[in-house]
Amino acid sequence: MKVFKITQDGKELKYKRDGNAYFVELRKKQVVDEYNSITVQYGGKPKIAPKPPWDSGMVWKKEDLGKPFVSSIS
């Protein structure tokens, strides 16, 4: 998966990738009990986890009642 852009309050944020982690520089101070959000625009084909939970990637399954279940393993 590739990150194209990250924004907060409609303004683009600086970020850097280090291996499988992305580090984002937020524009404003985060205050306890205050709700904030960022938007991450990304794309690509996600890696399927070959042997979850030992290998990282995505898992698409159906749960016991037949409903779809998606999980990210890292």
PDB file of N, CA and C in Angstrom:
ATOM      1  N   MET A   1       0.847  -1.169   0.000  1.00  0.00           N
ATOM      2  CA  MET A   1       0.000   0.000   0.000  1.00  0.00           C
ATOM      3  C   MET A   1       0.897   1.238   0.000  1.00  0.00           C
ATOM      4  N   LYS A   2       0.464   2.250  -0.713  1.00  0.00           N
ATOM      5  CA  LYS A   2       1.241   3.479  -0.813  1.00  0.00           C
ATOM      6  C   LYS A   2       0.394   4.643  -0.319  1.00  0.00           C
ATOM      7  N   VAL A   3       0.964   5.468   0.555  1.00  0.00           N
ATOM      8  CA  VAL A   3       0.293   6.668   1.041  1.00  0.00           C
ATOM      9  C   VAL A   3       0.559   7.790   0.045  1.00  0.00           C
ATOM     10  N   PHE A   4      -0.516   8.453  -0.404  1.00  0.00           N
ATOM     11  CA  PHE A   4      -0.392   9.554  -1.350  1.00  0.00           C
ATOM     12  C   PHE A   4      -0.431  10.915  -0.657  1.00  0.00           C
ATOM     13  N   LYS A   5      -1.301  11.026   0.359  1.00  0.00           N
ATOM     14  CA  LYS A   5      -1.448  12.315   1.032  1.00  0.00           C
ATOM     15  C   LYS A   5      -2.106  12.108   2.390  1.00  0.00           C
ATOM     16  N   ILE A   6      -1.694  12.910   3.385  1.00  0.00           N
ATOM     17  CA  ILE A   6      -2.311  12.902   4.708  1.00  0.00           C
ATOM     18  C   ILE A   6      -2.689  14.337   5.027  1.00  0.00           C
ATOM     19  N   THR A   7      -3.950  14.549   5.462  1.00  0.00           N
ATOM     20  CA  THR A   7      -4.412  15.902   5.779  1.00  0.00           C
ATOM     21  C   THR A   7      -5.046  15.963   7.162  1.00  0.00           C
ATOM     22  N   GLN A   8      -5.031  17.169   7.727  1.00  0.00           N
ATOM     23  CA  GLN A   8      -5.709  17.458   8.998  1.00  0.00           C
ATOM     24  C   GLN A   8      -6.360  18.825   8.829  1.00  0.00           C
ATOM     25  N   ASP A   9      -7.652  18.916   9.074  1.00  0.00           N
ATOM     26  CA  ASP A   9      -8.412  20.163   8.902  1.00  0.00           C
ATOM     27  C   ASP A   9      -8.236  20.728   7.497  1.00  0.00           C
ATOM     28  N   GLY A  10      -8.173  19.845   6.498  1.00  0.00           N
ATOM     29  CA  GLY A  10      -8.067  20.268   5.110  1.00  0.00           C
ATOM     30  C   GLY A  10      -6.679  20.700   4.665  1.00  0.00           C
ATOM     31  N   LYS A  11      -5.689  20.624   5.554  1.00  0.00           N
ATOM     32  CA  LYS A  11      -4.328  21.041   5.217  1.00  0.00           C
ATOM     33  C   LYS A  11      -3.414  19.817   5.184  1.00  0.00           C
ATOM     34  N   GLU A  12      -2.557  19.782   4.171  1.00  0.00           N
ATOM     35  CA  GLU A  12      -1.668  18.636   3.992  1.00  0.00           C
ATOM     36  C   GLU A  12      -0.604  18.586   5.088  1.00  0.00           C
ATOM     37  N   LEU A  13      -0.339  17.367   5.575  1.00  0.00           N
ATOM     38  CA  LEU A  13       0.646  17.158   6.619  1.00  0.00           C
ATOM     39  C   LEU A  13       1.920  16.554   6.040  1.00  0.00           C
ATOM     40  N   LYS A  14       3.044  16.833   6.696  1.00  0.00           N
ATOM     41  CA  LYS A  14       4.303  16.195   6.339  1.00  0.00           C
ATOM     42  C   LYS A  14       4.347  14.833   7.016  1.00  0.00           C
ATOM     43  N   TYR A  15       4.920  13.860   6.319  1.00  0.00           N
ATOM     44  CA  TYR A  15       5.067  12.528   6.892  1.00  0.00           C
ATOM     45  C   TYR A  15       6.293  11.867   6.284  1.00  0.00           C
ATOM     46  N   LYS A  16       6.788  10.849   6.986  1.00  0.00           N
ATOM     47  CA  LYS A  16       7.895  10.067   6.437  1.00  0.00           C
ATOM     48  C   LYS A  16       7.638   8.601   6.744  1.00  0.00           C
ATOM     49  N   ARG A  17       8.187   7.756   5.887  1.00  0.00           N
ATOM     50  CA  ARG A  17       8.036   6.326   6.055  1.00  0.00           C
ATOM     51  C   ARG A  17       9.349   5.743   6.546  1.00  0.00           C
ATOM     52  N   ASP A  18       9.252   4.852   7.518  1.00  0.00           N
ATOM     53  CA  ASP A  18      10.416   4.127   8.034  1.00  0.00           C
ATOM     54  C   ASP A  18      10.019   2.660   8.080  1.00  0.00           C
ATOM     55  N   GLY A  19      10.394   1.914   7.049  1.00  0.00           N
ATOM     56  CA  GLY A  19       9.979   0.515   6.963  1.00  0.00           C
ATOM     57  C   GLY A  19       8.486   0.427   6.716  1.00  0.00           C
ATOM     58  N   ASN A  20       7.754  -0.243   7.598  1.00  0.00           N
ATOM     59  CA  ASN A  20       6.306  -0.362   7.464  1.00  0.00           C
ATOM     60  C   ASN A  20       5.546   0.680   8.274  1.00  0.00           C
ATOM     61  N   ALA A  21       6.256   1.623   8.897  1.00  0.00           N
ATOM     62  CA  ALA A  21       5.610   2.646   9.734  1.00  0.00           C
ATOM     63  C   ALA A  21       5.655   4.006   9.044  1.00  0.00           C
ATOM     64  N   TYR A  22       4.596   4.786   9.235  1.00  0.00           N
ATOM     65  CA  TYR A  22       4.542   6.161   8.757  1.00  0.00           C
ATOM     66  C   TYR A  22       4.501   7.083   9.968  1.00  0.00           C
ATOM     67  N   PHE A  23       5.342   8.111   9.965  1.00  0.00           N
ATOM     68  CA  PHE A  23       5.395   9.091  11.038  1.00  0.00           C
ATOM     69  C   PHE A  23       4.859  10.410  10.508  1.00  0.00           C
ATOM     70  N   VAL A  24       3.819  10.938  11.165  1.00  0.00           N
ATOM     71  CA  VAL A  24       3.097  12.112  10.680  1.00  0.00           C
ATOM     72  C   VAL A  24       3.344  13.287  11.616  1.00  0.00           C
ATOM     73  N   GLU A  25       3.672  14.447  11.040  1.00  0.00           N
ATOM     74  CA  GLU A  25       3.813  15.688  11.816  1.00  0.00           C
ATOM     75  C   GLU A  25       2.450  16.378  11.850  1.00  0.00           C
ATOM     76  N   LEU A  26       1.795  16.365  13.017  1.00  0.00           N
ATOM     77  CA  LEU A  26       0.486  16.999  13.155  1.00  0.00           C
ATOM     78  C   LEU A  26       0.637  18.518  13.187  1.00  0.00           C
ATOM     79  N   ARG A  27      -0.374  19.233  12.707  1.00  0.00           N
ATOM     80  CA  ARG A  27      -0.320  20.696  12.608  1.00  0.00           C
ATOM     81  C   ARG A  27      -0.687  21.391  13.922  1.00  0.00           C
ATOM     82  N   LYS A  28      -1.473  20.714  14.743  1.00  0.00           N
ATOM     83  CA  LYS A  28      -1.894  21.366  15.979  1.00  0.00           C
ATOM     84  C   LYS A  28      -1.672  20.444  17.171  1.00  0.00           C
ATOM     85  N   LYS A  29      -1.556  21.050  18.318  1.00  0.00           N
ATOM     86  CA  LYS A  29      -1.344  20.303  19.552  1.00  0.00           C
ATOM     87  C   LYS A  29      -2.577  19.459  19.859  1.00  0.00           C
ATOM     88  N   GLN A  30      -2.335  18.233  20.275  1.00  0.00           N
ATOM     89  CA  GLN A  30      -3.424  17.334  20.637  1.00  0.00           C
ATOM     90  C   GLN A  30      -3.769  17.529  22.106  1.00  0.00           C
ATOM     91  N   VAL A  31      -5.044  17.760  22.385  1.00  0.00           N
ATOM     92  CA  VAL A  31      -5.520  18.058  23.730  1.00  0.00           C
ATOM     93  C   VAL A  31      -6.318  16.864  24.251  1.00  0.00           C
ATOM     94  N   VAL A  32      -6.069  16.478  25.499  1.00  0.00           N
ATOM     95  CA  VAL A  32      -6.786  15.371  26.131  1.00  0.00           C
ATOM     96  C   VAL A  32      -8.284  15.643  26.082  1.00  0.00           C
ATOM     97  N   ASP A  33      -9.074  14.617  25.771  1.00  0.00           N
ATOM     98  CA  ASP A  33     -10.535  14.656  25.693  1.00  0.00           C
ATOM     99  C   ASP A  33     -11.064  15.485  24.522  1.00  0.00           C
ATOM    100  N   GLU A  34     -10.209  15.905  23.602  1.00  0.00           N
ATOM    101  CA  GLU A  34     -10.650  16.629  22.411  1.00  0.00           C
ATOM    102  C   GLU A  34     -10.586  15.684  21.220  1.00  0.00           C
ATOM    103  N   TYR A  35     -11.619  15.689  20.397  1.00  0.00           N
ATOM    104  CA  TYR A  35     -11.684  14.819  19.231  1.00  0.00           C
ATOM    105  C   TYR A  35     -11.021  15.497  18.037  1.00  0.00           C
ATOM    106  N   ASN A  36     -10.071  14.806  17.407  1.00  0.00           N
ATOM    107  CA  ASN A  36      -9.401  15.283  16.205  1.00  0.00           C
ATOM    108  C   ASN A  36      -9.314  14.121  15.227  1.00  0.00           C
ATOM    109  N   SER A  37      -9.105  14.431  13.970  1.00  0.00           N
ATOM    110  CA  SER A  37      -8.950  13.357  12.992  1.00  0.00           C
ATOM    111  C   SER A  37      -7.989  13.777  11.889  1.00  0.00           C
ATOM    112  N   ILE A  38      -7.439  12.776  11.221  1.00  0.00           N
ATOM    113  CA  ILE A  38      -6.634  12.995  10.033  1.00  0.00           C
ATOM    114  C   ILE A  38      -7.235  12.129   8.932  1.00  0.00           C
ATOM    115  N   THR A  39      -6.963  12.498   7.696  1.00  0.00           N
ATOM    116  CA  THR A  39      -7.411  11.727   6.552  1.00  0.00           C
ATOM    117  C   THR A  39      -6.187  11.218   5.814  1.00  0.00           C
ATOM    118  N   VAL A  40      -6.152   9.924   5.574  1.00  0.00           N
ATOM    119  CA  VAL A  40      -5.032   9.304   4.868  1.00  0.00           C
ATOM    120  C   VAL A  40      -5.542   8.801   3.520  1.00  0.00           C
ATOM    121  N   GLN A  41      -4.942   9.314   2.444  1.00  0.00           N
ATOM    122  CA  GLN A  41      -5.279   8.841   1.103  1.00  0.00           C
ATOM    123  C   GLN A  41      -4.200   7.850   0.679  1.00  0.00           C
ATOM    124  N   TYR A  42      -4.625   6.640   0.369  1.00  0.00           N
ATOM    125  CA  TYR A  42      -3.665   5.605   0.021  1.00  0.00           C
ATOM    126  C   TYR A  42      -4.259   4.703  -1.051  1.00  0.00           C
ATOM    127  N   GLY A  43      -3.431   3.884  -1.639  1.00  0.00           N
ATOM    128  CA  GLY A  43      -3.901   2.962  -2.660  1.00  0.00           C
ATOM    129  C   GLY A  43      -2.915   1.836  -2.845  1.00  0.00           C
ATOM    130  N   GLY A  44      -3.269   0.950  -3.740  1.00  0.00           N
ATOM    131  CA  GLY A  44      -2.413  -0.192  -4.018  1.00  0.00           C
ATOM    132  C   GLY A  44      -3.123  -1.491  -3.702  1.00  0.00           C
ATOM    133  N   LYS A  45      -2.396  -2.560  -3.805  1.00  0.00           N
ATOM    134  CA  LYS A  45      -2.934  -3.887  -3.529  1.00  0.00           C
ATOM    135  C   LYS A  45      -2.371  -4.359  -2.193  1.00  0.00           C
ATOM    136  N   PRO A  46      -3.238  -4.563  -1.204  1.00  0.00           N
ATOM    137  CA  PRO A  46      -2.737  -4.986   0.111  1.00  0.00           C
ATOM    138  C   PRO A  46      -2.137  -6.385   0.072  1.00  0.00           C
ATOM    139  N   LYS A  47      -1.131  -6.580   0.904  1.00  0.00           N
ATOM    140  CA  LYS A  47      -0.475  -7.882   1.032  1.00  0.00           C
ATOM    141  C   LYS A  47      -1.371  -8.806   1.856  1.00  0.00           C
ATOM    142  N   ILE A  48      -1.580 -10.006   1.383  1.00  0.00           N
ATOM    143  CA  ILE A  48      -2.353 -11.007   2.117  1.00  0.00           C
ATOM    144  C   ILE A  48      -1.412 -11.698   3.108  1.00  0.00           C
ATOM    145  N   ALA A  49      -1.861 -11.840   4.360  1.00  0.00           N
ATOM    146  CA  ALA A  49      -1.055 -12.522   5.383  1.00  0.00           C
ATOM    147  C   ALA A  49      -1.004 -14.012   5.055  1.00  0.00           C
ATOM    148  N   PRO A  50       0.185 -14.560   4.721  1.00  0.00           N
ATOM    149  CA  PRO A  50       0.256 -15.971   4.338  1.00  0.00           C
ATOM    150  C   PRO A  50      -0.040 -16.943   5.484  1.00  0.00           C
ATOM    151  N   LYS A  51       0.426 -16.608   6.692  1.00  0.00           N
ATOM    152  CA  LYS A  51       0.204 -17.491   7.843  1.00  0.00           C
ATOM    153  C   LYS A  51      -0.143 -16.637   9.065  1.00  0.00           C
ATOM    154  N   PRO A  52      -1.346 -16.053   9.090  1.00  0.00           N
ATOM    155  CA  PRO A  52      -1.710 -15.236  10.248  1.00  0.00           C
ATOM    156  C   PRO A  52      -1.827 -16.103  11.496  1.00  0.00           C
ATOM    157  N   PRO A  53      -1.529 -15.656  12.652  1.00  0.00           N
ATOM    158  CA  PRO A  53      -1.069 -14.316  13.002  1.00  0.00           C
ATOM    159  C   PRO A  53       0.445 -14.161  12.978  1.00  0.00           C
ATOM    160  N   TRP A  54       1.170 -15.138  12.438  1.00  0.00           N
ATOM    161  CA  TRP A  54       2.627 -15.079  12.471  1.00  0.00           C
ATOM    162  C   TRP A  54       3.207 -14.161  11.395  1.00  0.00           C
ATOM    163  N   ASP A  55       2.510 -14.030  10.268  1.00  0.00           N
ATOM    164  CA  ASP A  55       2.983 -13.177   9.180  1.00  0.00           C
ATOM    165  C   ASP A  55       2.070 -11.960   9.045  1.00  0.00           C
ATOM    166  N   SER A  56       2.661 -10.815   8.701  1.00  0.00           N
ATOM    167  CA  SER A  56       1.867  -9.594   8.583  1.00  0.00           C
ATOM    168  C   SER A  56       1.135  -9.543   7.245  1.00  0.00           C
ATOM    169  N   GLY A  57       0.075  -8.755   7.222  1.00  0.00           N
ATOM    170  CA  GLY A  57      -0.729  -8.567   6.019  1.00  0.00           C
ATOM    171  C   GLY A  57      -2.204  -8.494   6.367  1.00  0.00           C
ATOM    172  N   MET A  58      -3.042  -8.590   5.350  1.00  0.00           N
ATOM    173  CA  MET A  58      -4.491  -8.507   5.527  1.00  0.00           C
ATOM    174  C   MET A  58      -5.094  -9.908   5.537  1.00  0.00           C
ATOM    175  N   VAL A  59      -6.203 -10.037   6.270  1.00  0.00           N
ATOM    176  CA  VAL A  59      -6.944 -11.289   6.330  1.00  0.00           C
ATOM    177  C   VAL A  59      -8.399 -10.992   5.992  1.00  0.00           C
ATOM    178  N   TRP A  60      -8.944 -11.691   4.997  1.00  0.00           N
ATOM    179  CA  TRP A  60     -10.360 -11.606   4.658  1.00  0.00           C
ATOM    180  C   TRP A  60     -10.965 -12.976   4.894  1.00  0.00           C
ATOM    181  N   LYS A  61     -11.908 -13.050   5.806  1.00  0.00           N
ATOM    182  CA  LYS A  61     -12.556 -14.327   6.146  1.00  0.00           C
ATOM    183  C   LYS A  61     -14.045 -14.083   6.351  1.00  0.00           C
ATOM    184  N   LYS A  62     -14.756 -15.145   6.686  1.00  0.00           N
ATOM    185  CA  LYS A  62     -16.145 -15.031   7.133  1.00  0.00           C
ATOM    186  C   LYS A  62     -16.204 -15.577   8.547  1.00  0.00           C
ATOM    187  N   GLU A  63     -16.946 -14.880   9.398  1.00  0.00           N
ATOM    188  CA  GLU A  63     -17.074 -15.340  10.775  1.00  0.00           C
ATOM    189  C   GLU A  63     -18.105 -16.452  10.865  1.00  0.00           C
ATOM    190  N   ASP A  64     -18.337 -16.970  12.062  1.00  0.00           N
ATOM    191  CA  ASP A  64     -19.191 -18.146  12.253  1.00  0.00           C
ATOM    192  C   ASP A  64     -20.603 -17.984  11.682  1.00  0.00           C
ATOM    193  N   LEU A  65     -21.135 -16.754  11.675  1.00  0.00           N
ATOM    194  CA  LEU A  65     -22.482 -16.517  11.152  1.00  0.00           C
ATOM    195  C   LEU A  65     -22.471 -16.178   9.663  1.00  0.00           C
ATOM    196  N   GLY A  66     -21.286 -16.256   9.032  1.00  0.00           N
ATOM    197  CA  GLY A  66     -21.189 -16.014   7.606  1.00  0.00           C
ATOM    198  C   GLY A  66     -20.982 -14.566   7.207  1.00  0.00           C
ATOM    199  N   LYS A  67     -20.823 -13.681   8.181  1.00  0.00           N
ATOM    200  CA  LYS A  67     -20.596 -12.265   7.879  1.00  0.00           C
ATOM    201  C   LYS A  67     -19.121 -12.029   7.575  1.00  0.00           C
ATOM    202  N   PRO A  68     -18.820 -11.092   6.647  1.00  0.00           N
ATOM    203  CA  PRO A  68     -17.424 -10.799   6.316  1.00  0.00           C
ATOM    204  C   PRO A  68     -16.640 -10.274   7.514  1.00  0.00           C
ATOM    205  N   PHE A  69     -15.367 -10.664   7.581  1.00  0.00           N
ATOM    206  CA  PHE A  69     -14.474 -10.233   8.647  1.00  0.00           C
ATOM    207  C   PHE A  69     -13.143  -9.831   8.002  1.00  0.00           C
ATOM    208  N   VAL A  70     -12.674  -8.629   8.300  1.00  0.00           N
ATOM    209  CA  VAL A  70     -11.397  -8.140   7.766  1.00  0.00           C
ATOM    210  C   VAL A  70     -10.501  -7.761   8.924  1.00  0.00           C
ATOM    211  N   SER A  71      -9.223  -8.146   8.823  1.00  0.00           N
ATOM    212  CA  SER A  71      -8.268  -7.839   9.894  1.00  0.00           C
ATOM    213  C   SER A  71      -6.928  -7.468   9.274  1.00  0.00           C
ATOM    214  N   SER A  72      -6.212  -6.582   9.968  1.00  0.00           N
ATOM    215  CA  SER A  72      -4.862  -6.197   9.563  1.00  0.00           C
ATOM    216  C   SER A  72      -3.897  -6.750  10.600  1.00  0.00           C
ATOM    217  N   ILE A  73      -2.921  -7.508  10.162  1.00  0.00           N
ATOM    218  CA  ILE A  73      -1.937  -8.106  11.061  1.00  0.00           C
ATOM    219  C   ILE A  73      -0.602  -7.431  10.809  1.00  0.00           C
ATOM    220  N   SER A  74       0.042  -6.949  11.873  1.00  0.00           N
ATOM    221  CA  SER A  74       1.374  -6.345  11.681  1.00  0.00           C
ATOM    222  C   SER A  74       2.344  -6.808  12.716  1.00  0.00           C
TER     223      SER A  74
END
